[in-house]
Amino acid sequence: MDKIFLIFQREYLTRVRKKSFVIMSLIGPLLTVALFAVPVLIARMSDTDKTVAVADAGNLFGGRMPEAKDDIRFVPTTADLAQAKRAFRESKHDALLYVPRQDLANPGGFQVFSRKGLGVSLESDIRRTVNLQIENQRLTASGIDRATLDKLKASVDLETVSLSDEGEKSSSTGVSTGVAYLCGFLIYMFIFIYGVQVMRGVMEEKTSRIVEVVISSVKPFQLMMGKVLGIAAVGFTQLALWVLLSVGISSVMAGSVSPDKMVEARVNRTTAMVRTDTAQDKAAKKDGNVAAKITTALRNADLNVPLIVGCFLFYFLGGYLFYGALFGAIGAAADNETDTQQFMLPVTMPLVLTFVVSQAVLTTNPNGSVAVWMSMIPFTSPIAMMMRLPFGGVPTWQLLVSMGMLILGFLGTIWLAGRIYRVGILMYGKKVNYRELSRWMFYKG
């Protein structure tokens, strides 16, 4: 244990003292926020009002253009197609919609002209507007008023309740899905980032011949164990710093955007310029409604936070230790990163497969047979179990079996990696294949 601790200490201090570690620990939360915020900001900045000219030869709109919605408005133009095209070329309109004469029972022949191709969003808005207008005319012909039909429609909010032997608990599918993906994503990234560091560290020692001196004092199993645990501690340290910094940044942002300041800013903007309820105002109201729904869902979601946090830390560490040993074995078997590619695919495929399956199965049926088995197998359990836990309903025995199998899996992989490590670290310039690796595992001595 003393030798493992010394190797652990060396691996930890060497990496923590690097400038790259300090820089990434400080800017990591900012990069994470930017990863989600920048695309939204770019999308909002790119949203500009679109104008569509309508050549209504079929009198579909009856001389009344649809009201401007969101970022699109319709303006009338001459019904003659040739003249409408000439006017469109001279104007700054984004598109020209031509409505031919037709039978409402079988509509068709609509054309949309644009200068440089039509965007997906604009095309969808135009199609939706035309479909709505055809529906309105069909309703009128049938003697049904659109306003009456709209009153008949219903939109209800469902309160989801988890009913179990422990009693009734409020739940939120949306919040549970978000928590599940967040936990799974963090474990996925941690395994890849720090697992690759284990692999590179082993290859560096192998190519620099330092390991020939080290291996004379410690056993390969001790060296591998100390290296994997040391890099795991580095990852935990960085994660703790990210959490603390994220909480600090969130607190500062929450303080700078207090309700009083938001009201004051709103009053100032309204006083500065008097305007009607434009599309931007409607979008802001819509965003506010969405934000209110999200806040309510978070408040009503009855998540077992202590269980989720505790299991996250366990699978966070257990998943890394399991895969870190495998990455270390790959580093011992190869001389450079090019040679590692043939061994990386079988190791990383279970992680990628878990994420692919999670979208179709784990989050839609978290207690199904596929989800249960994936949460038991050590190759997939770190992500699969964390995908299931936020939804609740995971039996205690399944959780204990999953944890026990992950611990056994880690011990098995660390033993396997040690067997490969003791031979691979002394091999230079030899191309290794799977058959050769199987021989290394059973070498005596």
Protein backbone atom coordinates (compact mmCIF):
# COMPACT_ATOMS: atom_id res chain seq x y z
CA MET A 1 0.00 0.00 0.00
CA ASP A 2 2.90 2.38 0.70
CA LYS A 3 4.20 1.93 -2.83
CA ILE A 4 0.75 2.45 -4.32
CA PHE A 5 0.39 5.64 -2.27
CA LEU A 6 3.77 6.96 -3.46
CA ILE A 7 2.80 6.37 -7.10
CA PHE A 8 -0.61 7.91 -6.40
CA GLN A 9 1.04 10.99 -4.87
CA ARG A 10 3.44 11.41 -7.79
CA GLU A 11 0.70 11.13 -10.42
CA TYR A 12 -1.56 13.54 -8.55
CA LEU A 13 0.99 16.26 -7.74
CA THR A 14 2.60 16.14 -11.18
CA ARG A 15 -0.69 16.87 -12.94
CA VAL A 16 -2.19 19.29 -10.43
CA ARG A 17 0.87 21.57 -10.61
CA LYS A 18 0.65 21.94 -14.38
CA LYS A 19 -0.49 25.28 -15.76
CA SER A 20 -2.92 23.54 -18.10
CA PHE A 21 -4.73 22.03 -15.10
CA VAL A 22 -5.07 25.39 -13.35
CA ILE A 23 -6.24 27.15 -16.52
CA MET A 24 -8.83 24.49 -17.40
CA SER A 25 -10.08 24.39 -13.81
CA LEU A 26 -10.72 28.14 -13.92
CA ILE A 27 -12.21 28.49 -17.39
CA GLY A 28 -13.98 25.10 -17.49
CA PRO A 29 -17.31 26.41 -16.09
CA LEU A 30 -17.18 29.40 -18.44
CA LEU A 31 -16.60 27.12 -21.43
CA THR A 32 -19.50 24.92 -20.32
CA VAL A 33 -21.82 27.92 -20.08
CA ALA A 34 -20.60 29.18 -23.46
CA LEU A 35 -21.22 25.75 -24.99
CA PHE A 36 -24.94 26.09 -24.30
CA ALA A 37 -25.36 29.88 -24.38
CA VAL A 38 -23.46 30.80 -27.55
CA PRO A 39 -25.61 28.75 -29.98
CA VAL A 40 -28.75 30.32 -28.47
CA LEU A 41 -27.32 33.83 -28.76
CA ILE A 42 -26.19 33.22 -32.34
CA ALA A 43 -29.62 31.89 -33.24
CA ARG A 44 -31.29 34.97 -31.76
CA MET A 45 -28.87 37.34 -33.47
CA SER A 46 -29.47 35.65 -36.82
CA ASP A 47 -33.25 35.92 -36.48
CA THR A 48 -34.40 38.81 -38.65
CA ASP A 49 -37.85 39.75 -39.90
CA LYS A 50 -38.77 37.99 -43.14
CA THR A 51 -41.14 39.50 -45.69
CA VAL A 52 -43.09 37.31 -48.09
CA ALA A 53 -44.91 38.82 -51.07
CA VAL A 54 -48.16 37.02 -51.98
CA ALA A 55 -49.46 36.81 -55.55
CA ASP A 56 -52.96 35.57 -54.70
CA ALA A 57 -54.38 34.62 -58.11
CA GLY A 58 -56.67 32.03 -56.49
CA ASN A 59 -58.05 34.54 -53.94
CA LEU A 60 -57.07 32.23 -51.10
CA PHE A 61 -56.49 35.05 -48.64
CA GLY A 62 -59.47 37.11 -49.82
CA GLY A 63 -57.50 40.37 -49.87
CA ARG A 64 -56.57 40.07 -46.17
CA MET A 65 -53.01 39.04 -45.42
CA PRO A 66 -52.30 36.98 -42.27
CA GLU A 67 -51.18 38.88 -39.21
CA ALA A 68 -47.44 39.16 -38.67
CA LYS A 69 -46.24 36.38 -36.37
CA ASP A 70 -42.85 35.92 -34.78
CA ASP A 71 -40.37 37.05 -37.46
CA ILE A 72 -42.46 36.74 -40.67
CA ARG A 73 -45.00 39.01 -42.35
CA PHE A 74 -46.95 38.74 -45.58
CA VAL A 75 -47.60 41.62 -48.02
CA PRO A 76 -49.86 41.56 -51.10
CA THR A 77 -48.61 42.01 -54.64
CA THR A 78 -50.12 41.76 -58.11
CA ALA A 79 -51.85 38.48 -58.92
CA ASP A 80 -50.19 38.26 -62.33
CA LEU A 81 -47.20 35.93 -61.95
CA ALA A 82 -44.96 37.60 -64.54
CA GLN A 83 -45.51 41.06 -63.04
CA ALA A 84 -45.11 39.68 -59.52
CA LYS A 85 -41.72 38.19 -60.46
CA ARG A 86 -40.51 41.51 -61.85
CA ALA A 87 -41.69 43.36 -58.75
CA PHE A 88 -40.02 40.74 -56.54
CA ARG A 89 -36.64 41.23 -58.29
CA GLU A 90 -36.85 44.98 -57.71
CA SER A 91 -37.94 44.67 -54.07
CA LYS A 92 -36.09 43.52 -50.95
CA HIS A 93 -38.61 40.84 -50.07
CA ASP A 94 -37.29 37.47 -48.95
CA ALA A 95 -39.74 35.29 -50.87
CA LEU A 96 -42.65 35.36 -53.32
CA LEU A 97 -45.63 33.05 -52.78
CA TYR A 98 -47.80 32.34 -55.83
CA VAL A 99 -51.32 31.00 -55.20
CA PRO A 100 -52.93 29.64 -58.42
CA ARG A 101 -56.65 29.15 -59.08
CA GLN A 102 -57.71 25.79 -57.73
CA ASP A 103 -60.26 23.58 -56.04
CA LEU A 104 -60.12 23.58 -52.24
CA ALA A 105 -60.96 19.88 -52.22
CA ASN A 106 -57.67 19.10 -53.94
CA PRO A 107 -55.29 22.08 -53.53
CA GLY A 108 -51.95 22.22 -55.32
CA GLY A 109 -49.72 24.16 -57.66
CA PHE A 110 -48.35 26.56 -55.01
CA GLN A 111 -44.95 28.03 -55.82
CA VAL A 112 -42.43 29.91 -53.66
CA PHE A 113 -39.68 31.97 -55.31
CA SER A 114 -36.54 33.21 -53.56
CA ARG A 115 -33.21 34.71 -54.55
CA LYS A 116 -30.70 32.38 -52.89
CA GLY A 117 -32.70 29.41 -51.78
CA LEU A 118 -35.29 29.13 -49.04
CA GLY A 119 -34.40 28.43 -45.43
CA VAL A 120 -36.06 25.50 -43.66
CA SER A 121 -37.70 27.75 -41.07
CA LEU A 122 -39.14 30.19 -43.63
CA GLU A 123 -40.42 27.37 -45.84
CA SER A 124 -42.10 25.76 -42.85
CA ASP A 125 -43.76 29.06 -41.86
CA ILE A 126 -45.10 29.63 -45.37
CA ARG A 127 -46.44 26.07 -45.64
CA ARG A 128 -48.11 26.36 -42.23
CA THR A 129 -49.76 29.68 -43.20
CA VAL A 130 -51.11 28.29 -46.48
CA ASN A 131 -52.42 25.15 -44.77
CA LEU A 132 -54.15 27.23 -42.11
CA GLN A 133 -55.79 29.45 -44.75
CA ILE A 134 -57.07 26.44 -46.69
CA GLU A 135 -58.48 25.00 -43.46
CA ASN A 136 -60.23 28.30 -42.70
CA GLN A 137 -61.90 28.35 -46.11
CA ARG A 138 -62.96 24.72 -45.76
CA LEU A 139 -64.44 25.47 -42.33
CA THR A 140 -66.30 28.49 -43.73
CA ALA A 141 -67.68 26.41 -46.59
CA SER A 142 -68.88 23.85 -44.05
CA GLY A 143 -70.53 26.49 -41.90
CA ILE A 144 -68.07 26.21 -39.03
CA ASP A 145 -66.42 29.26 -37.48
CA ARG A 146 -62.67 29.09 -36.73
CA ALA A 147 -63.15 30.92 -33.42
CA THR A 148 -65.72 28.34 -32.33
CA LEU A 149 -63.41 25.50 -33.29
CA ASP A 150 -60.53 27.06 -31.35
CA LYS A 151 -62.72 27.26 -28.26
CA LEU A 152 -63.38 23.53 -28.50
CA LYS A 153 -59.68 22.71 -28.37
CA ALA A 154 -58.15 21.92 -25.00
CA SER A 155 -54.62 22.11 -23.62
CA VAL A 156 -54.15 20.70 -20.13
CA ASP A 157 -51.11 20.43 -17.87
CA LEU A 158 -50.59 16.95 -16.46
CA GLU A 159 -49.29 16.57 -12.93
CA THR A 160 -47.23 13.39 -12.87
CA VAL A 161 -47.23 11.47 -9.58
CA SER A 162 -45.08 8.47 -8.74
CA LEU A 163 -47.15 5.89 -6.86
CA SER A 164 -45.11 3.29 -4.97
CA ASP A 165 -45.04 1.39 -1.70
CA GLU A 166 -43.43 4.44 -0.08
CA GLY A 167 -46.43 6.60 -0.95
CA GLU A 168 -47.23 9.24 -3.54
CA LYS A 169 -44.48 11.56 -4.80
CA SER A 170 -44.61 14.34 -7.34
CA SER A 171 -42.42 13.82 -10.37
CA SER A 172 -41.44 15.57 -13.58
CA THR A 173 -40.42 13.59 -16.65
CA GLY A 174 -38.70 16.60 -18.20
CA VAL A 175 -36.59 17.34 -15.13
CA SER A 176 -35.73 13.66 -14.68
CA THR A 177 -34.62 13.42 -18.30
CA GLY A 178 -32.45 16.52 -17.96
CA VAL A 179 -30.78 15.26 -14.78
CA ALA A 180 -30.23 11.83 -16.36
CA TYR A 181 -28.53 13.27 -19.43
CA LEU A 182 -26.39 15.64 -17.35
CA CYS A 183 -25.11 12.85 -15.10
CA GLY A 184 -24.50 10.51 -18.03
CA PHE A 185 -22.71 13.19 -20.03
CA LEU A 186 -20.37 14.10 -17.16
CA ILE A 187 -19.42 10.45 -16.60
CA TYR A 188 -18.94 9.93 -20.33
CA MET A 189 -16.62 12.95 -20.66
CA PHE A 190 -14.70 12.13 -17.49
CA ILE A 191 -13.96 8.57 -18.60
CA PHE A 192 -12.71 9.67 -22.00
CA ILE A 193 -10.63 12.65 -20.83
CA TYR A 194 -8.87 11.02 -17.89
CA GLY A 195 -8.84 7.50 -19.31
CA VAL A 196 -6.82 8.79 -22.26
CA GLN A 197 -4.48 10.50 -19.77
CA VAL A 198 -3.78 7.11 -18.19
CA MET A 199 -3.03 5.63 -21.60
CA ARG A 200 -0.71 8.49 -22.57
CA GLY A 201 1.05 8.41 -19.20
CA VAL A 202 1.84 4.72 -19.62
CA MET A 203 3.08 5.26 -23.17
CA GLU A 204 5.33 8.16 -22.08
CA GLU A 205 6.95 6.06 -19.36
CA LYS A 206 7.35 3.18 -21.76
CA THR A 207 9.01 5.23 -24.51
CA SER A 208 11.27 7.16 -22.10
CA ARG A 209 12.45 3.92 -20.44
CA ILE A 210 11.68 5.35 -16.97
CA VAL A 211 9.50 2.38 -16.27
CA GLU A 212 12.46 0.01 -16.46
CA VAL A 213 13.81 1.62 -13.29
CA VAL A 214 10.42 1.89 -11.57
CA ILE A 215 9.41 -1.68 -12.31
CA SER A 216 12.44 -2.99 -10.43
CA SER A 217 10.99 -1.57 -7.19
CA VAL A 218 7.23 -2.14 -7.55
CA LYS A 219 4.96 -4.73 -9.05
CA PRO A 220 3.08 -3.94 -12.27
CA PHE A 221 -0.24 -4.24 -10.41
CA GLN A 222 0.88 -1.65 -7.84
CA LEU A 223 2.15 0.70 -10.52
CA MET A 224 -1.07 0.45 -12.51
CA MET A 225 -3.27 0.88 -9.41
CA GLY A 226 -1.37 3.95 -8.19
CA LYS A 227 -1.47 5.56 -11.61
CA VAL A 228 -5.20 5.00 -12.12
CA LEU A 229 -6.10 6.22 -8.61
CA GLY A 230 -3.81 9.25 -8.88
CA ILE A 231 -5.36 10.45 -12.12
CA ALA A 232 -8.83 9.77 -10.67
CA ALA A 233 -8.02 12.10 -7.78
CA VAL A 234 -6.99 14.76 -10.31
CA GLY A 235 -10.35 14.42 -11.99
CA PHE A 236 -12.24 14.69 -8.71
CA THR A 237 -10.28 17.79 -7.79
CA GLN A 238 -11.10 19.42 -11.09
CA LEU A 239 -14.76 18.44 -10.81
CA ALA A 240 -14.96 19.93 -7.30
CA LEU A 241 -13.42 23.19 -8.54
CA TRP A 242 -15.87 23.30 -11.44
CA VAL A 243 -18.82 22.79 -9.09
CA LEU A 244 -17.65 25.52 -6.70
CA LEU A 245 -16.94 27.97 -9.53
CA SER A 246 -20.25 27.16 -11.22
CA VAL A 247 -22.14 27.84 -7.98
CA GLY A 248 -20.24 31.11 -7.57
CA ILE A 249 -20.93 32.22 -11.14
CA SER A 250 -24.62 31.29 -10.80
CA SER A 251 -24.89 33.26 -7.55
CA VAL A 252 -23.31 36.35 -9.12
CA MET A 253 -25.55 36.12 -12.18
CA ALA A 254 -28.64 35.62 -10.03
CA GLY A 255 -27.72 38.68 -7.96
CA SER A 256 -27.07 40.86 -11.00
CA VAL A 257 -30.37 39.86 -12.61
CA SER A 258 -32.66 40.26 -9.62
CA PRO A 259 -36.43 40.78 -10.13
CA ASP A 260 -36.20 44.44 -9.05
CA LYS A 261 -33.49 45.14 -11.62
CA MET A 262 -35.45 43.33 -14.32
CA VAL A 263 -38.57 45.43 -13.58
CA GLU A 264 -36.52 48.63 -13.53
CA ALA A 265 -34.88 47.80 -16.84
CA ARG A 266 -38.25 46.98 -18.37
CA VAL A 267 -39.70 50.34 -17.27
CA ASN A 268 -36.69 52.21 -18.66
CA ARG A 269 -36.99 50.51 -22.03
CA THR A 270 -40.73 51.19 -22.18
CA THR A 271 -40.22 54.85 -21.30
CA ALA A 272 -37.44 55.27 -23.84
CA MET A 273 -39.49 54.07 -26.80
CA VAL A 274 -43.24 53.67 -27.07
CA ARG A 275 -44.17 50.82 -29.38
CA THR A 276 -46.91 48.26 -29.95
CA ASP A 277 -46.83 44.60 -29.05
CA THR A 278 -44.37 43.51 -31.76
CA ALA A 279 -43.15 40.05 -32.63
CA GLN A 280 -40.15 40.53 -30.32
CA ASP A 281 -42.46 41.24 -27.38
CA LYS A 282 -44.49 38.15 -28.13
CA ALA A 283 -41.33 36.08 -28.30
CA ALA A 284 -40.20 37.52 -24.97
CA LYS A 285 -43.53 36.63 -23.39
CA LYS A 286 -43.27 33.15 -24.84
CA ASP A 287 -39.75 32.78 -23.42
CA GLY A 288 -41.03 33.99 -20.06
CA ASN A 289 -43.78 31.39 -20.06
CA VAL A 290 -41.27 28.66 -20.89
CA ALA A 291 -38.94 29.85 -18.11
CA ALA A 292 -41.85 29.88 -15.65
CA LYS A 293 -42.80 26.33 -16.61
CA ILE A 294 -39.22 25.15 -16.17
CA THR A 295 -38.99 26.82 -12.75
CA THR A 296 -42.27 25.24 -11.66
CA ALA A 297 -41.15 21.82 -12.89
CA LEU A 298 -37.90 22.06 -10.93
CA ARG A 299 -39.80 23.09 -7.82
CA ASN A 300 -42.36 20.29 -8.12
CA ALA A 301 -39.93 17.55 -9.10
CA ASP A 302 -39.46 15.29 -6.12
CA LEU A 303 -35.98 13.91 -6.86
CA ASN A 304 -34.11 11.82 -4.31
CA VAL A 305 -31.14 14.19 -4.40
CA PRO A 306 -28.97 12.45 -1.76
CA LEU A 307 -29.34 9.10 -3.56
CA ILE A 308 -28.63 10.62 -6.97
CA VAL A 309 -25.58 12.54 -5.73
CA GLY A 310 -24.19 9.54 -3.84
CA CYS A 311 -24.68 7.16 -6.76
CA PHE A 312 -23.27 9.72 -9.17
CA LEU A 313 -20.04 9.93 -7.18
CA PHE A 314 -19.84 6.12 -7.01
CA TYR A 315 -20.43 5.54 -10.72
CA PHE A 316 -18.35 8.57 -11.59
CA LEU A 317 -15.35 7.00 -9.85
CA GLY A 318 -16.23 3.36 -10.56
CA GLY A 319 -16.72 3.92 -14.27
CA TYR A 320 -13.41 5.73 -14.54
CA LEU A 321 -11.51 3.06 -12.58
CA PHE A 322 -13.01 0.31 -14.74
CA TYR A 323 -12.20 2.00 -18.04
CA GLY A 324 -8.99 3.62 -16.78
CA ALA A 325 -7.48 0.17 -16.26
CA LEU A 326 -8.42 -0.80 -19.81
CA PHE A 327 -6.92 2.41 -21.21
CA GLY A 328 -3.75 1.71 -19.22
CA ALA A 329 -3.54 -1.77 -20.75
CA ILE A 330 -3.86 -0.22 -24.21
CA GLY A 331 -1.03 2.20 -23.40
CA ALA A 332 1.19 -0.69 -22.27
CA ALA A 333 0.50 -2.66 -25.44
CA ALA A 334 1.18 0.17 -27.93
CA ASP A 335 4.21 2.36 -28.62
CA ASN A 336 2.32 5.36 -30.05
CA GLU A 337 -1.21 6.69 -30.36
CA THR A 338 -1.54 5.45 -33.93
CA ASP A 339 -1.19 1.85 -32.75
CA THR A 340 -3.83 2.37 -30.06
CA GLN A 341 -6.66 2.88 -32.56
CA GLN A 342 -7.22 -0.84 -33.13
CA PHE A 343 -7.72 -1.36 -29.37
CA MET A 344 -9.70 1.83 -28.65
CA LEU A 345 -12.81 0.87 -30.63
CA PRO A 346 -13.82 -2.22 -28.60
CA VAL A 347 -13.26 -0.29 -25.35
CA THR A 348 -15.17 2.86 -26.29
CA MET A 349 -18.05 1.24 -28.19
CA PRO A 350 -20.03 0.29 -25.04
CA LEU A 351 -19.97 3.92 -23.88
CA VAL A 352 -21.13 5.23 -27.26
CA LEU A 353 -23.74 2.47 -27.48
CA THR A 354 -25.13 3.43 -24.08
CA PHE A 355 -25.67 7.01 -25.19
CA VAL A 356 -27.34 5.93 -28.43
CA VAL A 357 -29.64 3.49 -26.62
CA SER A 358 -30.42 6.03 -23.91
CA GLN A 359 -32.30 8.25 -26.37
CA ALA A 360 -34.51 5.42 -27.61
CA VAL A 361 -34.85 3.15 -24.56
CA LEU A 362 -33.32 4.26 -21.26
CA THR A 363 -35.17 7.57 -20.89
CA THR A 364 -38.41 6.31 -22.45
CA ASN A 365 -38.58 3.02 -20.54
CA PRO A 366 -36.12 3.30 -17.64
CA ASN A 367 -37.40 0.16 -15.92
CA GLY A 368 -37.60 -2.07 -18.98
CA SER A 369 -35.54 -5.22 -19.43
CA VAL A 370 -32.97 -3.53 -21.71
CA ALA A 371 -32.40 -0.72 -19.21
CA VAL A 372 -32.12 -3.18 -16.31
CA TRP A 373 -29.52 -5.38 -18.02
CA MET A 374 -27.49 -2.40 -19.25
CA SER A 375 -27.43 -1.00 -15.72
CA MET A 376 -25.97 -4.29 -14.46
CA ILE A 377 -23.16 -4.90 -16.98
CA PRO A 378 -20.00 -3.02 -15.86
CA PHE A 379 -19.24 -1.83 -19.39
CA THR A 380 -22.51 0.11 -19.56
CA SER A 381 -23.70 0.45 -15.95
CA PRO A 382 -21.96 3.77 -15.06
CA ILE A 383 -24.05 5.66 -17.61
CA ALA A 384 -27.11 3.39 -17.81
CA MET A 385 -27.79 3.36 -14.05
CA MET A 386 -27.43 7.13 -13.81
CA MET A 387 -29.93 7.40 -16.66
CA ARG A 388 -32.43 5.33 -14.65
CA LEU A 389 -32.06 6.77 -11.15
CA PRO A 390 -33.64 10.23 -11.71
CA PHE A 391 -36.87 8.54 -12.84
CA GLY A 392 -37.10 6.55 -9.61
CA GLY A 393 -38.40 3.04 -9.24
CA VAL A 394 -34.97 1.34 -9.21
CA PRO A 395 -35.15 -1.55 -6.71
CA THR A 396 -32.49 -1.57 -4.01
CA TRP A 397 -31.30 -5.04 -4.97
CA GLN A 398 -30.67 -3.94 -8.56
CA LEU A 399 -28.63 -0.97 -7.37
CA LEU A 400 -26.56 -3.12 -5.01
CA VAL A 401 -25.98 -5.81 -7.66
CA SER A 402 -24.94 -3.14 -10.17
CA MET A 403 -22.46 -1.60 -7.72
CA GLY A 404 -21.07 -5.00 -6.73
CA MET A 405 -20.57 -6.06 -10.34
CA LEU A 406 -18.85 -2.75 -11.14
CA ILE A 407 -16.43 -3.26 -8.23
CA LEU A 408 -15.70 -6.82 -9.35
CA GLY A 409 -15.33 -5.59 -12.90
CA PHE A 410 -12.79 -2.99 -11.83
CA LEU A 411 -10.76 -5.54 -9.89
CA GLY A 412 -10.89 -7.89 -12.86
CA THR A 413 -9.80 -5.25 -15.37
CA ILE A 414 -7.01 -3.97 -13.10
CA TRP A 415 -5.72 -7.56 -12.79
CA LEU A 416 -6.03 -8.04 -16.54
CA ALA A 417 -4.30 -4.71 -17.22
CA GLY A 418 -1.52 -5.64 -14.82
CA ARG A 419 -0.90 -8.91 -16.68
CA ILE A 420 -0.63 -7.04 -19.97
CA TYR A 421 1.33 -4.21 -18.37
CA ARG A 422 4.13 -6.40 -16.98
CA VAL A 423 4.97 -7.67 -20.47
CA GLY A 424 3.94 -4.72 -22.65
CA ILE A 425 6.06 -2.09 -20.90
CA LEU A 426 9.21 -3.99 -21.90
CA MET A 427 8.18 -4.49 -25.55
CA TYR A 428 9.52 -1.95 -28.05
CA GLY A 429 8.95 -1.68 -31.77
CA LYS A 430 6.69 -4.71 -31.99
CA LYS A 431 3.25 -4.51 -33.56
CA VAL A 432 0.80 -6.09 -31.15
CA ASN A 433 -2.49 -7.76 -32.06
CA TYR A 434 -5.25 -9.38 -30.01
CA ARG A 435 -3.68 -12.82 -30.31
CA GLU A 436 -0.41 -11.51 -28.86
CA LEU A 437 -2.26 -9.81 -26.00
CA SER A 438 -3.95 -13.08 -25.06
CA ARG A 439 -0.53 -14.70 -24.77
CA TRP A 440 0.79 -11.93 -22.51
CA MET A 441 -2.03 -12.54 -20.03
CA PHE A 442 -0.86 -16.12 -19.42
CA TYR A 443 2.90 -15.58 -19.35
CA LYS A 444 4.46 -16.96 -16.18
CA GLY A 445 6.97 -15.13 -14.05
